[in-house]
PDB file of N, CA and C in Angstrom:
ATOM      1  N   MET A   1     -28.125  63.294 -74.216  1.00  0.00           N
ATOM      2  CA  MET A   1     -28.889  63.990 -73.194  1.00  0.00           C
ATOM      3  C   MET A   1     -28.158  65.275 -72.797  1.00  0.00           C
ATOM      4  N   THR A   2     -28.933  66.297 -72.589  1.00  0.00           N
ATOM      5  CA  THR A   2     -28.403  67.579 -72.127  1.00  0.00           C
ATOM      6  C   THR A   2     -29.125  67.963 -70.852  1.00  0.00           C
ATOM      7  N   GLU A   3     -28.365  68.244 -69.803  1.00  0.00           N
ATOM      8  CA  GLU A   3     -28.963  68.708 -68.550  1.00  0.00           C
ATOM      9  C   GLU A   3     -28.921  70.233 -68.521  1.00  0.00           C
ATOM     10  N   VAL A   4     -30.055  70.841 -68.250  1.00  0.00           N
ATOM     11  CA  VAL A   4     -30.131  72.291 -68.083  1.00  0.00           C
ATOM     12  C   VAL A   4     -30.050  72.555 -66.589  1.00  0.00           C
ATOM     13  N   LEU A   5     -29.036  73.321 -66.191  1.00  0.00           N
ATOM     14  CA  LEU A   5     -28.745  73.535 -64.773  1.00  0.00           C
ATOM     15  C   LEU A   5     -29.118  74.937 -64.316  1.00  0.00           C
ATOM     16  N   ALA A   6     -29.416  75.067 -63.038  1.00  0.00           N
ATOM     17  CA  ALA A   6     -29.632  76.385 -62.432  1.00  0.00           C
ATOM     18  C   ALA A   6     -28.279  77.087 -62.341  1.00  0.00           C
ATOM     19  N   GLU A   7     -28.270  78.352 -62.682  1.00  0.00           N
ATOM     20  CA  GLU A   7     -27.029  79.128 -62.629  1.00  0.00           C
ATOM     21  C   GLU A   7     -26.883  79.906 -61.325  1.00  0.00           C
ATOM     22  N   MET A   8     -27.922  79.858 -60.479  1.00  0.00           N
ATOM     23  CA  MET A   8     -27.884  80.589 -59.217  1.00  0.00           C
ATOM     24  C   MET A   8     -28.901  79.992 -58.247  1.00  0.00           C
ATOM     25  N   THR A   9     -28.817  80.401 -57.016  1.00  0.00           N
ATOM     26  CA  THR A   9     -29.824  80.026 -56.023  1.00  0.00           C
ATOM     27  C   THR A   9     -31.071  80.855 -56.293  1.00  0.00           C
ATOM     28  N   ALA A  10     -32.209  80.173 -56.372  1.00  0.00           N
ATOM     29  CA  ALA A  10     -33.459  80.858 -56.701  1.00  0.00           C
ATOM     30  C   ALA A  10     -34.623  79.951 -56.355  1.00  0.00           C
ATOM     31  N   SER A  11     -35.828  80.462 -56.583  1.00  0.00           N
ATOM     32  CA  SER A  11     -37.011  79.614 -56.474  1.00  0.00           C
ATOM     33  C   SER A  11     -37.623  79.491 -57.873  1.00  0.00           C
ATOM     34  N   VAL A  12     -38.272  78.366 -58.098  1.00  0.00           N
ATOM     35  CA  VAL A  12     -38.926  78.141 -59.386  1.00  0.00           C
ATOM     36  C   VAL A  12     -40.251  78.887 -59.354  1.00  0.00           C
ATOM     37  N   TRP A  13     -40.443  79.798 -60.297  1.00  0.00           N
ATOM     38  CA  TRP A  13     -41.665  80.578 -60.344  1.00  0.00           C
ATOM     39  C   TRP A  13     -42.667  79.925 -61.288  1.00  0.00           C
ATOM     40  N   GLN A  14     -42.253  79.598 -62.522  1.00  0.00           N
ATOM     41  CA  GLN A  14     -43.141  78.954 -63.486  1.00  0.00           C
ATOM     42  C   GLN A  14     -42.378  77.900 -64.268  1.00  0.00           C
ATOM     43  N   VAL A  15     -43.049  76.802 -64.569  1.00  0.00           N
ATOM     44  CA  VAL A  15     -42.513  75.782 -65.472  1.00  0.00           C
ATOM     45  C   VAL A  15     -43.334  75.873 -66.750  1.00  0.00           C
ATOM     46  N   ARG A  16     -42.673  76.065 -67.878  1.00  0.00           N
ATOM     47  CA  ARG A  16     -43.376  76.316 -69.138  1.00  0.00           C
ATOM     48  C   ARG A  16     -43.395  75.112 -70.080  1.00  0.00           C
ATOM     49  N   VAL A  17     -42.746  74.020 -69.701  1.00  0.00           N
ATOM     50  CA  VAL A  17     -42.687  72.834 -70.565  1.00  0.00           C
ATOM     51  C   VAL A  17     -43.068  71.593 -69.768  1.00  0.00           C
ATOM     52  N   GLU A  18     -43.295  70.500 -70.483  1.00  0.00           N
ATOM     53  CA  GLU A  18     -43.578  69.221 -69.827  1.00  0.00           C
ATOM     54  C   GLU A  18     -42.854  68.124 -70.583  1.00  0.00           C
ATOM     55  N   ALA A  19     -42.681  66.990 -69.954  1.00  0.00           N
ATOM     56  CA  ALA A  19     -42.002  65.859 -70.571  1.00  0.00           C
ATOM     57  C   ALA A  19     -42.681  65.490 -71.882  1.00  0.00           C
ATOM     58  N   GLY A  20     -41.864  65.217 -72.899  1.00  0.00           N
ATOM     59  CA  GLY A  20     -42.370  64.828 -74.206  1.00  0.00           C
ATOM     60  C   GLY A  20     -42.549  65.990 -75.164  1.00  0.00           C
ATOM     61  N   GLN A  21     -42.436  67.207 -74.671  1.00  0.00           N
ATOM     62  CA  GLN A  21     -42.627  68.390 -75.493  1.00  0.00           C
ATOM     63  C   GLN A  21     -41.369  68.680 -76.305  1.00  0.00           C
ATOM     64  N   ASP A  22     -41.530  69.004 -77.596  1.00  0.00           N
ATOM     65  CA  ASP A  22     -40.412  69.422 -78.438  1.00  0.00           C
ATOM     66  C   ASP A  22     -40.148  70.902 -78.213  1.00  0.00           C
ATOM     67  N   VAL A  23     -38.859  71.261 -78.153  1.00  0.00           N
ATOM     68  CA  VAL A  23     -38.468  72.652 -77.974  1.00  0.00           C
ATOM     69  C   VAL A  23     -37.389  73.008 -78.988  1.00  0.00           C
ATOM     70  N   ALA A  24     -37.334  74.279 -79.331  1.00  0.00           N
ATOM     71  CA  ALA A  24     -36.292  74.804 -80.207  1.00  0.00           C
ATOM     72  C   ALA A  24     -35.222  75.466 -79.338  1.00  0.00           C
ATOM     73  N   ALA A  25     -34.054  75.678 -79.906  1.00  0.00           N
ATOM     74  CA  ALA A  25     -33.009  76.403 -79.189  1.00  0.00           C
ATOM     75  C   ALA A  25     -33.559  77.762 -78.768  1.00  0.00           C
ATOM     76  N   ASP A  26     -33.283  78.144 -77.555  1.00  0.00           N
ATOM     77  CA  ASP A  26     -33.688  79.428 -76.967  1.00  0.00           C
ATOM     78  C   ASP A  26     -35.162  79.512 -76.579  1.00  0.00           C
ATOM     79  N   ASP A  27     -35.920  78.414 -76.676  1.00  0.00           N
ATOM     80  CA  ASP A  27     -37.283  78.411 -76.140  1.00  0.00           C
ATOM     81  C   ASP A  27     -37.212  78.499 -74.620  1.00  0.00           C
ATOM     82  N   GLU A  28     -38.156  79.208 -74.016  1.00  0.00           N
ATOM     83  CA  GLU A  28     -38.200  79.347 -72.561  1.00  0.00           C
ATOM     84  C   GLU A  28     -38.700  78.048 -71.932  1.00  0.00           C
ATOM     85  N   LEU A  29     -37.895  77.493 -71.010  1.00  0.00           N
ATOM     86  CA  LEU A  29     -38.258  76.251 -70.340  1.00  0.00           C
ATOM     87  C   LEU A  29     -38.958  76.525 -69.015  1.00  0.00           C
ATOM     88  N   LEU A  30     -38.431  77.476 -68.274  1.00  0.00           N
ATOM     89  CA  LEU A  30     -39.015  77.834 -66.991  1.00  0.00           C
ATOM     90  C   LEU A  30     -38.515  79.195 -66.586  1.00  0.00           C
ATOM     91  N   ILE A  31     -39.107  79.720 -65.522  1.00  0.00           N
ATOM     92  CA  ILE A  31     -38.690  81.018 -65.000  1.00  0.00           C
ATOM     93  C   ILE A  31     -38.338  80.854 -63.533  1.00  0.00           C
ATOM     94  N   LEU A  32     -37.151  81.321 -63.187  1.00  0.00           N
ATOM     95  CA  LEU A  32     -36.716  81.343 -61.791  1.00  0.00           C
ATOM     96  C   LEU A  32     -36.965  82.739 -61.232  1.00  0.00           C
ATOM     97  N   GLU A  33     -37.062  82.827 -59.917  1.00  0.00           N
ATOM     98  CA  GLU A  33     -37.227  84.111 -59.257  1.00  0.00           C
ATOM     99  C   GLU A  33     -36.181  84.210 -58.163  1.00  0.00           C
ATOM    100  N   SER A  34     -35.452  85.326 -58.193  1.00  0.00           N
ATOM    101  CA  SER A  34     -34.443  85.579 -57.169  1.00  0.00           C
ATOM    102  C   SER A  34     -34.410  87.074 -56.894  1.00  0.00           C
ATOM    103  N   MET A  35     -34.540  87.439 -55.648  1.00  0.00           N
ATOM    104  CA  MET A  35     -34.515  88.839 -55.240  1.00  0.00           C
ATOM    105  C   MET A  35     -35.528  89.674 -56.038  1.00  0.00           C
ATOM    106  N   LYS A  36     -36.720  89.111 -56.222  1.00  0.00           N
ATOM    107  CA  LYS A  36     -37.839  89.759 -56.917  1.00  0.00           C
ATOM    108  C   LYS A  36     -37.558  90.016 -58.400  1.00  0.00           C
ATOM    109  N   MET A  37     -36.562  89.311 -58.951  1.00  0.00           N
ATOM    110  CA  MET A  37     -36.276  89.402 -60.382  1.00  0.00           C
ATOM    111  C   MET A  37     -36.648  88.080 -61.048  1.00  0.00           C
ATOM    112  N   GLU A  38     -37.242  88.144 -62.218  1.00  0.00           N
ATOM    113  CA  GLU A  38     -37.578  86.953 -62.982  1.00  0.00           C
ATOM    114  C   GLU A  38     -36.412  86.625 -63.915  1.00  0.00           C
ATOM    115  N   ILE A  39     -35.947  85.376 -63.869  1.00  0.00           N
ATOM    116  CA  ILE A  39     -34.821  84.936 -64.683  1.00  0.00           C
ATOM    117  C   ILE A  39     -35.285  83.795 -65.577  1.00  0.00           C
ATOM    118  N   PRO A  40     -35.440  84.049 -66.901  1.00  0.00           N
ATOM    119  CA  PRO A  40     -35.851  82.965 -67.792  1.00  0.00           C
ATOM    120  C   PRO A  40     -34.712  81.968 -67.992  1.00  0.00           C
ATOM    121  N   VAL A  41     -35.078  80.695 -68.061  1.00  0.00           N
ATOM    122  CA  VAL A  41     -34.123  79.630 -68.366  1.00  0.00           C
ATOM    123  C   VAL A  41     -34.533  79.086 -69.734  1.00  0.00           C
ATOM    124  N   VAL A  42     -33.611  79.140 -70.700  1.00  0.00           N
ATOM    125  CA  VAL A  42     -33.942  78.756 -72.079  1.00  0.00           C
ATOM    126  C   VAL A  42     -33.215  77.481 -72.480  1.00  0.00           C
ATOM    127  N   ALA A  43     -33.752  76.840 -73.506  1.00  0.00           N
ATOM    128  CA  ALA A  43     -33.149  75.612 -74.030  1.00  0.00           C
ATOM    129  C   ALA A  43     -31.833  75.951 -74.731  1.00  0.00           C
ATOM    130  N   PRO A  44     -30.762  75.241 -74.401  1.00  0.00           N
ATOM    131  CA  PRO A  44     -29.475  75.507 -75.053  1.00  0.00           C
ATOM    132  C   PRO A  44     -29.421  74.968 -76.476  1.00  0.00           C
ATOM    133  N   ARG A  45     -30.355  74.076 -76.817  1.00  0.00           N
ATOM    134  CA  ARG A  45     -30.410  73.477 -78.156  1.00  0.00           C
ATOM    135  C   ARG A  45     -31.824  72.957 -78.390  1.00  0.00           C
ATOM    136  N   ALA A  46     -32.106  72.601 -79.620  1.00  0.00           N
ATOM    137  CA  ALA A  46     -33.393  71.987 -79.942  1.00  0.00           C
ATOM    138  C   ALA A  46     -33.402  70.553 -79.425  1.00  0.00           C
ATOM    139  N   GLY A  47     -34.565  70.057 -79.074  1.00  0.00           N
ATOM    140  CA  GLY A  47     -34.682  68.678 -78.610  1.00  0.00           C
ATOM    141  C   GLY A  47     -36.061  68.414 -78.055  1.00  0.00           C
ATOM    142  N   THR A  48     -36.165  67.307 -77.356  1.00  0.00           N
ATOM    143  CA  THR A  48     -37.406  66.916 -76.695  1.00  0.00           C
ATOM    144  C   THR A  48     -37.164  66.894 -75.197  1.00  0.00           C
ATOM    145  N   VAL A  49     -38.089  67.445 -74.437  1.00  0.00           N
ATOM    146  CA  VAL A  49     -37.959  67.435 -72.976  1.00  0.00           C
ATOM    147  C   VAL A  49     -38.101  65.989 -72.497  1.00  0.00           C
ATOM    148  N   ASP A  50     -37.046  65.466 -71.908  1.00  0.00           N
ATOM    149  CA  ASP A  50     -37.073  64.108 -71.372  1.00  0.00           C
ATOM    150  C   ASP A  50     -37.697  64.100 -69.979  1.00  0.00           C
ATOM    151  N   ALA A  51     -37.328  65.104 -69.158  1.00  0.00           N
ATOM    152  CA  ALA A  51     -37.854  65.177 -67.795  1.00  0.00           C
ATOM    153  C   ALA A  51     -37.731  66.598 -67.275  1.00  0.00           C
ATOM    154  N   VAL A  52     -38.712  66.986 -66.468  1.00  0.00           N
ATOM    155  CA  VAL A  52     -38.666  68.244 -65.724  1.00  0.00           C
ATOM    156  C   VAL A  52     -38.450  67.837 -64.267  1.00  0.00           C
ATOM    157  N   HIS A  53     -37.363  68.305 -63.671  1.00  0.00           N
ATOM    158  CA  HIS A  53     -36.967  67.853 -62.338  1.00  0.00           C
ATOM    159  C   HIS A  53     -37.404  68.772 -61.203  1.00  0.00           C
ATOM    160  N   VAL A  54     -38.106  69.862 -61.543  1.00  0.00           N
ATOM    161  CA  VAL A  54     -38.531  70.820 -60.524  1.00  0.00           C
ATOM    162  C   VAL A  54     -39.995  71.181 -60.738  1.00  0.00           C
ATOM    163  N   ALA A  55     -40.570  71.815 -59.741  1.00  0.00           N
ATOM    164  CA  ALA A  55     -41.964  72.270 -59.796  1.00  0.00           C
ATOM    165  C   ALA A  55     -42.027  73.690 -59.226  1.00  0.00           C
ATOM    166  N   PRO A  56     -43.090  74.426 -59.546  1.00  0.00           N
ATOM    167  CA  PRO A  56     -43.218  75.777 -58.978  1.00  0.00           C
ATOM    168  C   PRO A  56     -43.070  75.757 -57.450  1.00  0.00           C
ATOM    169  N   GLU A  57     -42.383  76.781 -56.976  1.00  0.00           N
ATOM    170  CA  GLU A  57     -42.095  77.008 -55.561  1.00  0.00           C
ATOM    171  C   GLU A  57     -40.927  76.185 -55.026  1.00  0.00           C
ATOM    172  N   ASP A  58     -40.348  75.286 -55.834  1.00  0.00           N
ATOM    173  CA  ASP A  58     -39.133  74.569 -55.396  1.00  0.00           C
ATOM    174  C   ASP A  58     -37.995  75.567 -55.244  1.00  0.00           C
ATOM    175  N   GLN A  59     -37.144  75.327 -54.281  1.00  0.00           N
ATOM    176  CA  GLN A  59     -35.926  76.110 -54.107  1.00  0.00           C
ATOM    177  C   GLN A  59     -34.787  75.354 -54.775  1.00  0.00           C
ATOM    178  N   VAL A  60     -33.977  76.035 -55.578  1.00  0.00           N
ATOM    179  CA  VAL A  60     -32.858  75.400 -56.254  1.00  0.00           C
ATOM    180  C   VAL A  60     -31.571  76.160 -55.933  1.00  0.00           C
ATOM    181  N   THR A  61     -30.467  75.471 -56.051  1.00  0.00           N
ATOM    182  CA  THR A  61     -29.164  76.087 -55.867  1.00  0.00           C
ATOM    183  C   THR A  61     -28.370  75.962 -57.170  1.00  0.00           C
ATOM    184  N   GLU A  62     -27.290  76.673 -57.254  1.00  0.00           N
ATOM    185  CA  GLU A  62     -26.455  76.620 -58.441  1.00  0.00           C
ATOM    186  C   GLU A  62     -26.069  75.169 -58.738  1.00  0.00           C
ATOM    187  N   GLY A  63     -26.276  74.741 -59.966  1.00  0.00           N
ATOM    188  CA  GLY A  63     -25.927  73.385 -60.366  1.00  0.00           C
ATOM    189  C   GLY A  63     -27.065  72.386 -60.295  1.00  0.00           C
ATOM    190  N   THR A  64     -28.201  72.774 -59.745  1.00  0.00           N
ATOM    191  CA  THR A  64     -29.363  71.864 -59.686  1.00  0.00           C
ATOM    192  C   THR A  64     -29.846  71.583 -61.108  1.00  0.00           C
ATOM    193  N   VAL A  65     -30.099  70.304 -61.409  1.00  0.00           N
ATOM    194  CA  VAL A  65     -30.646  69.940 -62.719  1.00  0.00           C
ATOM    195  C   VAL A  65     -32.118  70.333 -62.750  1.00  0.00           C
ATOM    196  N   LEU A  66     -32.470  71.185 -63.714  1.00  0.00           N
ATOM    197  CA  LEU A  66     -33.845  71.659 -63.839  1.00  0.00           C
ATOM    198  C   LEU A  66     -34.631  70.849 -64.854  1.00  0.00           C
ATOM    199  N   VAL A  67     -34.035  70.647 -66.024  1.00  0.00           N
ATOM    200  CA  VAL A  67     -34.683  69.960 -67.136  1.00  0.00           C
ATOM    201  C   VAL A  67     -33.635  69.109 -67.852  1.00  0.00           C
ATOM    202  N   THR A  68     -34.049  67.957 -68.359  1.00  0.00           N
ATOM    203  CA  THR A  68     -33.189  67.117 -69.188  1.00  0.00           C
ATOM    204  C   THR A  68     -33.790  67.069 -70.583  1.00  0.00           C
ATOM    205  N   LEU A  69     -32.943  67.366 -71.589  1.00  0.00           N
ATOM    206  CA  LEU A  69     -33.357  67.309 -72.989  1.00  0.00           C
ATOM    207  C   LEU A  69     -32.732  66.104 -73.670  1.00  0.00           C
ATOM    208  N   ARG A  70     -33.460  65.512 -74.613  1.00  0.00           N
ATOM    209  CA  ARG A  70     -32.869  64.460 -75.451  1.00  0.00           C
ATOM    210  C   ARG A  70     -33.018  64.830 -76.894  1.00  0.00           C
TER     211      ARG A  70
END
């Protein structure tokens, strides 16, 4: 299992994947928004999305688990 973590405090703008979806390395998983900037969060490796732990408009802080890959 690989946990994809937030690298900064932000809000979740869009979630682009769902549980059970296969992803390749560098596929966009979701987009965070901070200070009116869009920050894409990409898959660090290929795998299957095990769980999405956030939803649009959620507030996250550095270290929050966003997505779990298996």
